[in-house]
Every structure is written in C-alpha cells, then in structure tokens.
C-alpha cells in the first residue's frame, strides 16, 4: 500500500523547520545527547534527526514524545490556546435571535384587545 503524500506549503515547511530547530536547541541547552533523548522518547536516532530537521513524515506523537523527554510537555498545551479567529466566529453566532411569535397548537396567537 502506497503512502499518502502530503503537500506542504512553503509557510508550513518553514514552521516545521523552526519547530525542529527549537527542539534541537532545547536538547543542546540541556547538554543531552541525541542518543539519550531518542532513548527516553522511545524513538530511533534517525527519527530524532528527522524531527530536528523539521520532517513532515514523522508522526505528531513522536514530536510529543521528544518534547516530554526534554521536559517540555507543558508547551504542547499552548498549541492553538488563543484561537482569536475561532472565538470571533463563535461570538458572531451568539447574537440573540429574534423570537418567533407564540403559537397555540401550531397556530399563531394574536393579541386581541
């Protein structure tokens, strides 16, 4: 069975490269070897190398495992935390709706005075 190929825009490729670089710098600041981090994360050194190079073929779970091995698991919870666009769209749908006239068994009730 052939693998699906995901087409990435240049913007997404840059983001993945930046994430990989940040992970690599976090590992180096902690003075941890690639072998030790990959062992703690339960992945191969080749997979860690791919993560640090921003590969899109590595599973998100592997990225998370490496962040946990570096003690950065709380950073994962920051993803999409402040969804400004989503909240704006949600708030637009929360406007009070005009109420339909009351009905009595499907018939509109008129106020007769």
Protein backbone atom coordinates (compact mmCIF):
# COMPACT_ATOMS: atom_id res chain seq x y z
CA UNK A 1 0.00 0.00 0.00
CA UNK A 2 1.47 3.33 -1.06
CA UNK A 3 1.88 6.09 1.48
CA UNK A 4 -0.12 9.25 1.09
CA UNK A 5 1.97 12.23 0.19
CA UNK A 6 1.10 15.43 1.95
CA UNK A 7 1.74 18.59 0.00
CA UNK A 8 3.08 21.30 2.27
CA UNK A 9 3.10 24.98 1.51
CA UNK A 10 6.38 26.84 1.93
CA UNK A 11 4.94 28.56 5.01
CA UNK A 12 4.23 25.21 6.71
CA UNK A 13 7.68 23.93 5.75
CA UNK A 14 9.25 26.97 7.43
CA UNK A 15 7.18 26.38 10.56
CA UNK A 16 8.28 22.73 10.73
CA UNK A 17 11.91 23.76 10.25
CA UNK A 18 11.57 26.30 13.07
CA UNK A 19 9.97 23.73 15.39
CA UNK A 20 12.73 21.23 14.65
CA UNK A 21 15.40 23.85 15.28
CA UNK A 22 13.78 24.85 18.58
CA UNK A 23 13.68 21.23 19.71
CA UNK A 24 17.33 20.76 18.76
CA UNK A 25 18.35 23.92 20.63
CA UNK A 26 16.39 22.80 23.70
CA UNK A 27 18.26 19.47 23.64
CA UNK A 28 21.62 21.18 23.24
CA UNK A 29 20.92 23.70 26.03
CA UNK A 30 20.25 20.75 28.33
CA UNK A 31 23.51 19.15 27.14
CA UNK A 32 21.69 15.94 26.26
CA UNK A 33 22.94 13.66 23.52
CA UNK A 34 20.73 12.68 20.63
CA UNK A 35 21.11 9.06 21.71
CA UNK A 36 19.85 9.78 25.23
CA UNK A 37 16.86 11.86 24.09
CA UNK A 38 15.84 9.32 21.47
CA UNK A 39 16.10 6.53 24.05
CA UNK A 40 13.97 8.48 26.55
CA UNK A 41 11.42 9.28 23.85
CA UNK A 42 11.29 5.68 22.65
CA UNK A 43 12.28 6.53 19.08
CA UNK A 44 15.31 5.90 16.91
CA UNK A 45 18.14 8.40 16.48
CA UNK A 46 17.14 8.69 12.83
CA UNK A 47 13.63 9.76 13.86
CA UNK A 48 15.06 12.34 16.27
CA UNK A 49 17.30 13.60 13.48
CA UNK A 50 14.23 13.90 11.21
CA UNK A 51 12.34 15.81 13.93
CA UNK A 52 15.22 18.21 14.45
CA UNK A 53 15.27 18.81 10.70
CA UNK A 54 11.54 19.56 10.59
CA UNK A 55 10.42 16.47 8.74
CA UNK A 56 6.72 16.27 7.94
CA UNK A 57 6.79 12.48 7.72
CA UNK A 58 7.35 12.00 11.45
CA UNK A 59 4.21 11.40 13.50
CA UNK A 60 2.96 14.06 15.85
CA UNK A 61 3.24 11.50 18.64
CA UNK A 62 6.99 11.31 18.09
CA UNK A 63 7.28 15.09 18.30
CA UNK A 64 5.33 14.99 21.59
CA UNK A 65 7.49 12.16 22.94
CA UNK A 66 10.64 14.19 22.31
CA UNK A 67 9.15 17.26 23.99
CA UNK A 68 8.26 15.11 27.01
CA UNK A 69 11.77 13.66 27.08
CA UNK A 70 13.09 17.23 27.21
CA UNK A 71 10.66 18.19 29.99
CA UNK A 72 8.65 20.45 27.71
CA UNK A 73 5.31 18.64 27.86
CA UNK A 74 3.52 21.78 29.10
CA UNK A 75 4.46 23.52 25.84
CA UNK A 76 2.20 21.13 23.95
CA UNK A 77 -0.83 22.57 25.72
CA UNK A 78 -0.03 26.01 24.27
CA UNK A 79 -0.89 24.86 20.74
CA UNK A 80 -3.95 26.77 19.49
CA UNK A 81 -4.60 28.06 23.01
CA UNK A 82 -5.53 31.58 21.93
CA UNK A 83 -7.74 30.94 18.92
CA UNK A 84 -8.66 34.54 18.17
CA UNK A 85 -10.31 33.81 14.81
CA UNK A 86 -12.28 30.84 16.15
CA UNK A 87 -13.54 32.80 19.15
CA UNK A 88 -14.56 35.71 16.93
CA UNK A 89 -16.53 33.38 14.66
CA UNK A 90 -18.13 31.75 17.68
CA UNK A 91 -19.11 35.12 19.17
CA UNK A 92 -20.72 36.16 15.88
CA UNK A 93 -23.14 33.24 16.19
CA UNK A 94 -24.04 34.10 19.78
CA UNK A 95 -26.08 37.18 18.90
CA UNK A 96 -29.61 36.99 20.31
CA UNK A 97 -32.05 35.76 17.73
CA UNK A 98 -35.42 37.36 17.19
CA UNK A 99 -38.10 35.30 18.76
CA UNK A 100 -40.95 33.93 16.72
CA UNK A 101 -44.49 34.76 17.84
CA UNK A 102 -46.03 32.36 20.34
CA UNK A 103 -48.18 29.63 18.85
CA UNK A 104 -51.07 27.57 20.14
CA UNK A 105 -51.07 24.11 18.56
CA UNK A 106 -49.24 25.41 15.53
CA UNK A 107 -51.49 28.45 15.14
CA UNK A 108 -50.21 31.93 15.75
CA UNK A 109 -51.73 33.56 18.82
CA UNK A 110 -52.89 37.12 18.21
CA UNK A 111 -53.28 39.66 20.95
CA UNK A 112 -56.84 40.88 20.65
CA UNK A 113 -57.93 43.78 22.73
